Amino acid sequence: MSGSTGVMAPPRPGPAPAQRMPSPYSLPLHALRLAGKCALPLVFWFAAGELSRFALLYGATEVAYGEWRQVRLVVVMTLLTFIVLSAMIVTTGMLHALRGALWETRARAADDVAQERFFRTLDRVAPAFAVLYLAWGFQREDARDVYQMDIFHHGDELMSAAWFGESSDVGGGLTDLDWRVSLGAMIVTFVLKWLFAKAVEKGKSGFYGFLAAFSEFAFVFYGLNATLAFADARSEWVEHRNIVTGGEEALNAAKESVPAWDAVTDVFGQYWPLFIDAVAVPLAWLTVAMLVFGAFSDEARALVKGTRLEKGVDRLESSHDLTQKSFDQLTGGFRDRWLPLANSLRLVFRSGFPLFGMMCLCYAGLSVGGDYAQRAVVRLVGSREEWVWIYQVAPLDFLRKMIVTVLTMALLAATYDIAATRARLRGEAFSDA
């Protein structure tokens, strides 16, 4: 005991979590830790998003009726665009609120890497978010909510018109826009989209990325009616072409002659939607999370880097401009939908398949578990009259959505954090964007 000062030294702290190799199987616990640590800002962002979404939905159902019907319908399309933009802002805000609790963010701060401000992140994320959102058709839910709000709010007018055999404009806020007005708005937004996209490519400061995303959404929504009108006219013309008639006859002959044709198509039709919901959709939202956290690439070269296919990319990029444009035109929709997801999958797979499997399992569990939990609460509470749940289910539905959304955002952040931390501790660069 010689030399002792009589005061015991404090125990030496163990290694920080970011210094230990995290296990992929710790993903649920890490997601819960992030959700608990950032619960207040996550709940605030979700509540603000739901409030703004309800206000925009209600406004879209009110402004659609009255004089100057076509002008009002243009305003409805504008409000639909704002509804989608509010979803983008809330998603970016929730993920940005989780950045301070990530191991990878702390590691960057230790290396004197400044944290990106929210508005800078939003402006950077917006163009790619718009492409992903439209490529996977997430805007369909927004349009369906506008229609359902319109039907619910003006249901008495619809019933009265049906009772007296009269026509009604209820439910037509997104479909009654004249195709000529739709085409004109489509041209204007296309020009704006092109100008803002050029500004983003040149790296100009400002909210050009956000404006480019707004123009992208508006271009699609304003041009919806004109596109449908042209598509109907084109389908009527194509139906009578010989090649189409011959193709339909060949398809019917294949159904009758090819063994197990119905069985294969039935299995594909049954399980493909499940694959999309359980694997592709989580990857799409993980791609958005990587956009926010700054570790994302949507280039084909990044996907095939180090493989034999990289030479093919080199040859394509060195080919004639017409060849490149033809290839882009042919594969544009496929690349917009699957290439970002493939790059996200490649980055996650650097940490092994278990991390990806755990993410998909937890994502599906949250979605399904939330629905069953709400159903169990409804059954537990019960009611004498079932119609009362039209009003009682609103707060319960809000609570379910809040819990599922908060945990889902935490799950995406935890997936990125574990993958990036494992790559950093192995001495690898997680992002090649």
Protein backbone atom coordinates (compact mmCIF):
# COMPACT_ATOMS: atom_id res chain seq x y z
CA MET A 1 0.00 0.00 0.00
CA SER A 2 3.08 2.26 -0.04
CA GLY A 3 2.65 5.29 -2.20
CA SER A 4 -1.12 5.21 -1.88
CA THR A 5 -2.81 8.59 -1.57
CA GLY A 6 -5.78 7.12 0.23
CA VAL A 7 -8.14 8.04 -2.64
CA MET A 8 -9.13 5.34 -5.08
CA ALA A 9 -8.75 6.24 -8.73
CA PRO A 10 -11.95 6.14 -10.77
CA PRO A 11 -12.38 3.03 -12.89
CA ARG A 12 -11.09 3.32 -16.40
CA PRO A 13 -13.97 3.65 -18.87
CA GLY A 14 -14.47 0.84 -21.33
CA PRO A 15 -14.19 1.34 -25.04
CA ALA A 16 -16.87 3.54 -26.64
CA PRO A 17 -19.56 1.71 -28.57
CA ALA A 18 -18.19 3.08 -31.82
CA GLN A 19 -14.85 1.42 -31.08
CA ARG A 20 -16.32 -2.09 -30.83
CA MET A 21 -17.42 -4.07 -33.84
CA PRO A 22 -21.24 -3.99 -33.63
CA SER A 23 -23.10 -7.19 -34.36
CA PRO A 24 -25.72 -7.19 -37.12
CA TYR A 25 -28.05 -8.96 -34.70
CA SER A 26 -27.92 -5.93 -32.39
CA LEU A 27 -29.92 -3.93 -34.95
CA PRO A 28 -33.26 -4.02 -33.03
CA LEU A 29 -31.63 -2.89 -29.77
CA HIS A 30 -29.64 -0.16 -31.53
CA ALA A 31 -32.82 1.06 -33.25
CA LEU A 32 -34.64 1.20 -29.90
CA ARG A 33 -31.70 3.10 -28.39
CA LEU A 34 -31.82 5.69 -31.17
CA ALA A 35 -35.60 5.99 -30.93
CA GLY A 36 -35.47 6.51 -27.17
CA LYS A 37 -32.64 9.02 -27.35
CA CYS A 38 -34.29 11.11 -30.08
CA ALA A 39 -37.94 10.46 -29.21
CA LEU A 40 -38.91 14.09 -28.65
CA PRO A 41 -37.71 15.56 -31.99
CA LEU A 42 -39.01 12.50 -33.85
CA VAL A 43 -42.48 12.87 -32.35
CA PHE A 44 -42.41 16.61 -33.04
CA TRP A 45 -41.52 16.09 -36.70
CA PHE A 46 -44.20 13.43 -37.13
CA ALA A 47 -46.92 15.52 -35.44
CA ALA A 48 -46.00 18.58 -37.52
CA GLY A 49 -46.10 16.48 -40.67
CA GLU A 50 -49.52 15.02 -39.87
CA LEU A 51 -50.90 18.48 -39.06
CA SER A 52 -49.62 20.01 -42.29
CA ARG A 53 -50.79 16.99 -44.27
CA PHE A 54 -54.33 17.24 -42.86
CA ALA A 55 -54.45 20.99 -43.54
CA LEU A 56 -53.35 20.48 -47.16
CA LEU A 57 -55.78 17.60 -47.69
CA TYR A 58 -58.64 19.62 -46.25
CA GLY A 59 -57.70 22.63 -48.38
CA ALA A 60 -57.60 20.48 -51.52
CA THR A 61 -61.16 19.28 -50.88
CA GLU A 62 -62.44 22.81 -50.22
CA VAL A 63 -60.82 24.75 -53.02
CA ALA A 64 -61.99 22.31 -55.72
CA TYR A 65 -65.60 23.54 -55.82
CA GLY A 66 -66.95 26.84 -57.09
CA GLU A 67 -66.53 29.11 -60.10
CA TRP A 68 -63.49 28.92 -62.36
CA ARG A 69 -63.42 25.14 -62.00
CA GLN A 70 -60.27 24.55 -64.09
CA VAL A 71 -58.28 27.16 -62.17
CA ARG A 72 -59.38 25.53 -58.94
CA LEU A 73 -58.26 22.13 -60.18
CA VAL A 74 -54.81 23.54 -60.94
CA VAL A 75 -54.70 24.69 -57.32
CA VAL A 76 -55.68 21.18 -56.20
CA MET A 77 -52.75 19.74 -58.14
CA THR A 78 -50.49 22.33 -56.53
CA LEU A 79 -51.70 21.31 -53.08
CA LEU A 80 -51.03 17.65 -53.96
CA THR A 81 -47.49 18.68 -54.84
CA PHE A 82 -47.15 20.38 -51.46
CA ILE A 83 -48.48 17.24 -49.74
CA VAL A 84 -45.68 15.19 -51.30
CA LEU A 85 -43.13 17.89 -50.46
CA SER A 86 -44.29 17.89 -46.84
CA ALA A 87 -43.67 14.13 -46.74
CA MET A 88 -40.16 14.75 -48.08
CA ILE A 89 -39.47 17.48 -45.51
CA VAL A 90 -40.76 15.39 -42.59
CA THR A 91 -38.81 12.29 -43.66
CA THR A 92 -35.63 14.31 -44.04
CA GLY A 93 -36.24 16.07 -40.73
CA MET A 94 -36.78 12.84 -38.80
CA LEU A 95 -33.65 11.25 -40.23
CA HIS A 96 -31.64 14.43 -39.68
CA ALA A 97 -32.77 14.48 -36.03
CA LEU A 98 -31.19 11.04 -35.59
CA ARG A 99 -27.78 12.06 -36.90
CA GLY A 100 -26.47 13.33 -33.57
CA ALA A 101 -27.03 9.95 -31.88
CA LEU A 102 -25.20 7.87 -34.51
CA TRP A 103 -21.80 6.35 -33.81
CA GLU A 104 -20.68 7.30 -37.30
CA THR A 105 -21.60 10.96 -36.76
CA ARG A 106 -19.56 11.05 -33.55
CA ALA A 107 -16.63 9.50 -35.40
CA ARG A 108 -16.87 12.19 -38.06
CA ALA A 109 -17.04 14.88 -35.38
CA ALA A 110 -13.86 13.46 -33.83
CA ASP A 111 -12.20 13.89 -37.23
CA ASP A 112 -13.34 17.56 -37.29
CA VAL A 113 -15.99 16.94 -39.96
CA ALA A 114 -18.69 19.58 -39.59
CA GLN A 115 -22.28 18.40 -39.40
CA GLU A 116 -24.43 19.43 -42.33
CA ARG A 117 -27.27 21.86 -41.63
CA PHE A 118 -30.83 20.71 -42.15
CA PHE A 119 -31.69 23.05 -45.04
CA ARG A 120 -28.46 22.13 -46.82
CA THR A 121 -29.31 18.45 -46.38
CA LEU A 122 -32.85 19.01 -47.63
CA ASP A 123 -31.66 20.85 -50.72
CA ARG A 124 -29.13 18.11 -51.48
CA VAL A 125 -31.57 15.24 -50.89
CA ALA A 126 -34.59 16.70 -52.70
CA PRO A 127 -33.79 15.87 -56.38
CA ALA A 128 -32.86 12.24 -55.71
CA PHE A 129 -35.80 11.86 -53.30
CA ALA A 130 -38.18 13.03 -56.03
CA VAL A 131 -36.82 10.45 -58.47
CA LEU A 132 -37.12 7.61 -55.95
CA TYR A 133 -40.57 8.71 -54.75
CA LEU A 134 -41.98 8.80 -58.26
CA ALA A 135 -40.12 5.72 -59.50
CA TRP A 136 -41.70 3.58 -56.79
CA GLY A 137 -45.14 5.17 -57.01
CA PHE A 138 -45.32 6.37 -53.41
CA GLN A 139 -47.39 9.35 -54.64
CA ARG A 140 -50.33 7.01 -55.23
CA GLU A 141 -51.07 6.93 -51.51
CA ASP A 142 -51.09 10.73 -51.41
CA ALA A 143 -53.52 10.92 -54.34
CA ARG A 144 -55.70 8.25 -52.73
CA ASP A 145 -55.81 10.26 -49.49
CA VAL A 146 -56.95 13.35 -51.41
CA TYR A 147 -59.74 11.33 -53.03
CA GLN A 148 -60.82 9.71 -49.75
CA MET A 149 -60.86 13.06 -47.93
CA ASP A 150 -62.99 14.51 -50.73
CA ILE A 151 -65.46 11.62 -50.59
CA PHE A 152 -65.64 11.67 -46.78
CA HIS A 153 -66.04 15.45 -46.57
CA HIS A 154 -68.62 15.80 -49.35
CA GLY A 155 -70.32 12.45 -49.01
CA ASP A 156 -73.73 14.02 -48.44
CA GLU A 157 -73.55 15.88 -51.76
CA LEU A 158 -72.54 12.69 -53.54
CA MET A 159 -75.43 10.75 -51.98
CA SER A 160 -77.91 13.50 -52.82
CA ALA A 161 -76.80 13.60 -56.46
CA ALA A 162 -77.02 9.81 -56.71
CA TRP A 163 -80.50 9.83 -55.12
CA PHE A 164 -81.89 12.29 -57.68
CA GLY A 165 -79.94 10.85 -60.62
CA GLU A 166 -77.76 13.94 -61.05
CA SER A 167 -74.07 14.16 -61.89
CA SER A 168 -71.60 15.27 -59.24
CA ASP A 169 -68.08 16.70 -59.22
CA VAL A 170 -67.26 15.08 -55.87
CA GLY A 171 -64.12 12.97 -56.08
CA GLY A 172 -62.96 14.47 -59.37
CA GLY A 173 -60.47 17.01 -58.05
CA LEU A 174 -57.53 15.08 -59.52
CA THR A 175 -59.18 13.77 -62.69
CA ASP A 176 -61.41 16.53 -64.05
CA LEU A 177 -58.63 18.86 -65.18
CA ASP A 178 -58.97 19.57 -68.90
CA TRP A 179 -56.17 17.94 -70.90
CA ARG A 180 -55.33 21.22 -72.64
CA VAL A 181 -54.82 23.01 -69.31
CA SER A 182 -52.89 19.98 -68.11
CA LEU A 183 -50.64 20.05 -71.15
CA GLY A 184 -49.91 23.78 -70.74
CA ALA A 185 -49.02 23.38 -67.06
CA MET A 186 -46.90 20.38 -67.98
CA ILE A 187 -44.85 22.44 -70.47
CA VAL A 188 -44.30 25.26 -67.97
CA THR A 189 -43.17 22.92 -65.19
CA PHE A 190 -40.92 21.04 -67.60
CA VAL A 191 -39.08 24.26 -68.45
CA LEU A 192 -38.74 25.08 -64.74
CA LYS A 193 -37.54 21.56 -64.03
CA TRP A 194 -34.89 21.85 -66.72
CA LEU A 195 -33.68 25.25 -65.46
CA PHE A 196 -33.47 24.16 -61.81
CA ALA A 197 -31.76 20.89 -62.76
CA LYS A 198 -29.10 22.83 -64.68
CA ALA A 199 -28.56 25.04 -61.64
CA VAL A 200 -28.10 21.95 -59.45
CA GLU A 201 -25.62 20.44 -61.91
CA LYS A 202 -23.57 23.65 -61.87
CA GLY A 203 -23.50 23.59 -58.07
CA LYS A 204 -25.14 26.97 -57.58
CA SER A 205 -25.99 27.93 -54.02
CA GLY A 206 -29.60 28.33 -52.97
CA PHE A 207 -32.62 26.09 -52.79
CA TYR A 208 -32.31 24.94 -56.39
CA GLY A 209 -32.41 21.27 -55.35
CA PHE A 210 -35.68 21.78 -53.49
CA LEU A 211 -37.14 23.77 -56.40
CA ALA A 212 -36.03 21.05 -58.81
CA ALA A 213 -37.89 18.46 -56.71
CA PHE A 214 -40.99 20.68 -56.64
CA SER A 215 -40.85 21.05 -60.42
CA GLU A 216 -40.37 17.29 -60.83
CA PHE A 217 -43.46 16.49 -58.79
CA ALA A 218 -45.51 19.28 -60.40
CA PHE A 219 -44.48 18.15 -63.89
CA VAL A 220 -45.85 14.67 -63.19
CA PHE A 221 -49.04 15.77 -61.45
CA TYR A 222 -49.99 18.62 -63.81
CA GLY A 223 -49.36 16.44 -66.83
CA LEU A 224 -51.31 13.48 -65.49
CA ASN A 225 -54.58 14.25 -67.26
CA ALA A 226 -52.93 15.12 -70.57
CA THR A 227 -50.83 11.97 -70.39
CA LEU A 228 -53.89 9.82 -69.71
CA ALA A 229 -55.78 11.44 -72.59
CA PHE A 230 -52.94 10.74 -75.03
CA ALA A 231 -52.48 7.23 -73.62
CA ASP A 232 -56.17 6.42 -74.17
CA ALA A 233 -56.02 7.67 -77.74
CA ARG A 234 -52.83 5.73 -78.36
CA SER A 235 -54.24 2.52 -76.85
CA GLU A 236 -57.31 2.74 -79.09
CA TRP A 237 -55.02 3.04 -82.11
CA VAL A 238 -52.67 0.27 -80.98
CA GLU A 239 -55.50 -2.18 -80.28
CA HIS A 240 -56.26 -2.47 -83.99
CA ARG A 241 -52.66 -3.00 -85.17
CA ASN A 242 -51.89 -6.43 -86.62
CA ILE A 243 -48.80 -6.93 -84.49
CA VAL A 244 -50.78 -6.38 -81.29
CA THR A 245 -53.54 -8.75 -82.39
CA GLY A 246 -50.97 -11.37 -83.30
CA GLY A 247 -49.20 -10.93 -79.98
CA GLU A 248 -52.43 -11.47 -78.05
CA GLU A 249 -53.12 -14.65 -80.05
CA ALA A 250 -49.59 -15.92 -79.37
CA LEU A 251 -50.00 -15.22 -75.66
CA ASN A 252 -53.30 -17.08 -75.51
CA ALA A 253 -51.73 -20.01 -77.37
CA ALA A 254 -48.83 -20.05 -74.89
CA LYS A 255 -51.24 -20.18 -71.97
CA GLU A 256 -52.89 -23.25 -73.46
CA SER A 257 -49.77 -25.09 -74.65
CA VAL A 258 -46.99 -24.26 -72.15
CA PRO A 259 -47.07 -26.62 -69.16
CA ALA A 260 -47.65 -25.07 -65.74
CA TRP A 261 -48.12 -21.59 -67.24
CA ASP A 262 -50.96 -20.70 -64.89
CA ALA A 263 -49.15 -22.13 -61.88
CA VAL A 264 -45.99 -20.09 -62.54
CA THR A 265 -47.87 -16.86 -63.20
CA ASP A 266 -50.07 -17.37 -60.14
CA VAL A 267 -47.06 -17.93 -57.89
CA PHE A 268 -45.31 -14.91 -59.34
CA GLY A 269 -48.40 -12.73 -58.91
CA GLN A 270 -48.82 -13.95 -55.34
CA TYR A 271 -45.27 -13.54 -54.05
CA TRP A 272 -43.93 -10.63 -56.09
CA PRO A 273 -45.97 -8.01 -54.18
CA LEU A 274 -44.72 -9.53 -50.93
CA PHE A 275 -41.14 -9.21 -52.16
CA ILE A 276 -41.72 -5.57 -53.07
CA ASP A 277 -43.23 -4.72 -49.67
CA ALA A 278 -40.73 -6.69 -47.57
CA VAL A 279 -37.48 -6.15 -49.49
CA ALA A 280 -37.64 -3.45 -52.18
CA VAL A 281 -39.60 -0.81 -50.22
CA PRO A 282 -37.30 -1.02 -47.14
CA LEU A 283 -34.32 -0.68 -49.46
CA ALA A 284 -35.90 2.37 -51.09
CA TRP A 285 -36.33 4.09 -47.72
CA LEU A 286 -32.83 3.00 -46.67
CA THR A 287 -31.58 4.73 -49.81
CA VAL A 288 -33.34 7.92 -48.66
CA ALA A 289 -31.67 7.54 -45.26
CA MET A 290 -28.28 7.19 -46.91
CA LEU A 291 -29.04 10.33 -48.91
CA VAL A 292 -29.60 12.21 -45.66
CA PHE A 293 -26.51 10.76 -44.00
CA GLY A 294 -24.37 11.46 -47.04
CA ALA A 295 -23.38 7.93 -48.07
CA PHE A 296 -25.09 7.17 -51.35
CA SER A 297 -24.29 6.70 -55.01
CA ASP A 298 -26.69 6.17 -57.91
CA GLU A 299 -24.03 5.57 -60.54
CA ALA A 300 -23.74 2.29 -62.38
CA ARG A 301 -19.94 2.44 -62.06
CA ALA A 302 -20.15 2.31 -58.26
CA LEU A 303 -22.29 -0.83 -58.46
CA VAL A 304 -19.97 -2.77 -60.80
CA LYS A 305 -16.70 -1.36 -59.49
CA GLY A 306 -13.98 -4.01 -59.43
CA THR A 307 -15.92 -6.47 -61.61
CA ARG A 308 -15.77 -7.39 -65.29
CA LEU A 309 -18.88 -5.32 -65.94
CA GLU A 310 -16.91 -2.15 -65.24
CA LYS A 311 -15.28 -2.48 -68.65
CA GLY A 312 -18.76 -2.46 -70.19
CA VAL A 313 -19.52 0.82 -68.43
CA ASP A 314 -16.24 2.25 -69.76
CA ARG A 315 -17.15 1.25 -73.29
CA LEU A 316 -20.64 2.72 -72.98
CA GLU A 317 -19.32 6.03 -71.65
CA SER A 318 -16.76 6.22 -74.47
CA SER A 319 -19.33 5.38 -77.16
CA HIS A 320 -21.18 7.79 -79.43
CA ASP A 321 -23.55 10.29 -77.81
CA LEU A 322 -26.49 8.80 -79.73
CA THR A 323 -25.68 5.35 -78.33
CA GLN A 324 -25.54 6.68 -74.78
CA LYS A 325 -28.82 8.57 -75.18
CA SER A 326 -30.53 5.51 -76.68
CA PHE A 327 -29.32 3.36 -73.79
CA ASP A 328 -30.47 5.93 -71.24
CA GLN A 329 -33.88 6.16 -72.91
CA LEU A 330 -34.25 2.38 -72.96
CA THR A 331 -33.16 1.73 -69.36
CA GLY A 332 -34.17 5.02 -67.69
CA GLY A 333 -37.16 3.71 -65.76
CA PHE A 334 -35.35 0.55 -64.69
CA ARG A 335 -32.28 2.47 -63.51
CA ASP A 336 -34.32 5.05 -61.59
CA ARG A 337 -36.12 2.29 -59.71
CA TRP A 338 -33.49 -0.39 -59.12
CA LEU A 339 -29.99 1.11 -59.43
CA PRO A 340 -30.14 3.23 -56.23
CA LEU A 341 -31.54 0.21 -54.37
CA ALA A 342 -28.79 -2.03 -55.74
CA ASN A 343 -26.13 0.41 -54.53
CA SER A 344 -27.74 0.59 -51.10
CA LEU A 345 -27.86 -3.20 -50.98
CA ARG A 346 -24.19 -3.35 -51.96
CA LEU A 347 -23.21 -0.99 -49.15
CA VAL A 348 -25.24 -2.93 -46.58
CA PHE A 349 -23.89 -6.26 -47.84
CA ARG A 350 -20.40 -5.09 -46.95
CA SER A 351 -21.45 -5.84 -43.37
CA GLY A 352 -22.84 -9.24 -44.31
CA PHE A 353 -26.21 -10.66 -45.22
CA PRO A 354 -27.48 -10.88 -41.60
CA LEU A 355 -27.71 -7.07 -41.33
CA PHE A 356 -29.83 -6.86 -44.47
CA GLY A 357 -32.02 -9.74 -43.34
CA MET A 358 -32.53 -8.20 -39.91
CA MET A 359 -33.50 -4.88 -41.46
CA CYS A 360 -36.13 -6.46 -43.74
CA LEU A 361 -37.44 -8.64 -40.91
CA CYS A 362 -37.76 -5.70 -38.50
CA TYR A 363 -39.34 -3.47 -41.17
CA ALA A 364 -41.97 -6.07 -42.00
CA GLY A 365 -42.51 -6.80 -38.31
CA LEU A 366 -43.17 -3.14 -37.55
CA SER A 367 -45.65 -2.78 -40.40
CA VAL A 368 -47.58 -5.97 -39.66
CA GLY A 369 -47.27 -5.65 -35.88
CA GLY A 370 -48.66 -2.13 -35.91
CA ASP A 371 -51.77 -3.23 -37.79
CA TYR A 372 -52.38 -6.19 -35.49
CA ALA A 373 -51.79 -4.07 -32.40
CA GLN A 374 -54.40 -1.53 -33.51
CA ARG A 375 -56.84 -4.32 -34.29
CA ALA A 376 -56.26 -5.82 -30.85
CA VAL A 377 -56.91 -2.47 -29.12
CA VAL A 378 -60.15 -1.99 -31.09
CA ARG A 379 -61.29 -5.48 -30.11
CA LEU A 380 -60.29 -4.89 -26.49
CA VAL A 381 -62.11 -1.57 -26.15
CA GLY A 382 -65.15 -2.60 -28.15
CA SER A 383 -68.30 -0.57 -28.73
CA ARG A 384 -72.03 -1.05 -28.84
CA GLU A 385 -72.34 0.69 -32.21
CA GLU A 386 -69.62 0.01 -34.76
CA TRP A 387 -70.15 3.34 -36.52
CA VAL A 388 -68.75 5.10 -33.43
CA TRP A 389 -65.28 3.89 -34.45
CA ILE A 390 -65.42 6.27 -37.42
CA TYR A 391 -64.54 8.96 -34.88
CA GLN A 392 -62.79 6.94 -32.20
CA VAL A 393 -60.29 5.32 -34.54
CA ALA A 394 -58.65 8.64 -35.52
CA PRO A 395 -56.50 9.11 -32.37
CA LEU A 396 -55.70 5.40 -32.27
CA ASP A 397 -54.63 5.47 -35.91
CA PHE A 398 -52.48 8.54 -35.24
CA LEU A 399 -50.77 6.77 -32.32
CA ARG A 400 -50.10 3.66 -34.37
CA LYS A 401 -48.65 5.63 -37.27
CA MET A 402 -46.48 7.69 -34.92
CA ILE A 403 -44.98 4.66 -33.17
CA VAL A 404 -44.42 2.71 -36.40
CA THR A 405 -42.92 5.72 -38.22
CA VAL A 406 -40.61 6.67 -35.35
CA LEU A 407 -39.34 3.11 -34.98
CA THR A 408 -38.97 2.74 -38.76
CA MET A 409 -36.86 5.88 -39.05
CA ALA A 410 -34.74 4.68 -36.11
CA LEU A 411 -34.39 1.28 -37.81
CA LEU A 412 -33.13 2.84 -41.05
CA ALA A 413 -30.67 5.01 -39.15
CA ALA A 414 -29.47 2.05 -37.09
CA THR A 415 -28.94 -0.04 -40.24
CA TYR A 416 -26.81 2.67 -41.78
CA ASP A 417 -24.95 3.24 -38.51
CA ILE A 418 -24.01 -0.41 -38.00
CA ALA A 419 -22.97 -0.85 -41.64
CA ALA A 420 -20.89 2.33 -41.66
CA THR A 421 -19.29 1.59 -38.29
CA ARG A 422 -18.32 -1.93 -39.27
CA ALA A 423 -16.79 -0.63 -42.50
CA ARG A 424 -14.87 2.10 -40.64
CA LEU A 425 -13.49 -0.30 -38.03
CA ARG A 426 -12.29 -2.58 -40.83
CA GLY A 427 -10.52 0.36 -42.42
CA GLU A 428 -12.84 0.54 -45.44
CA ALA A 429 -14.49 3.56 -46.97
CA PHE A 430 -18.24 3.06 -46.58
CA SER A 431 -19.25 5.71 -49.13
CA ASP A 432 -17.88 6.09 -52.63
CA ALA A 433 -20.44 8.75 -53.63
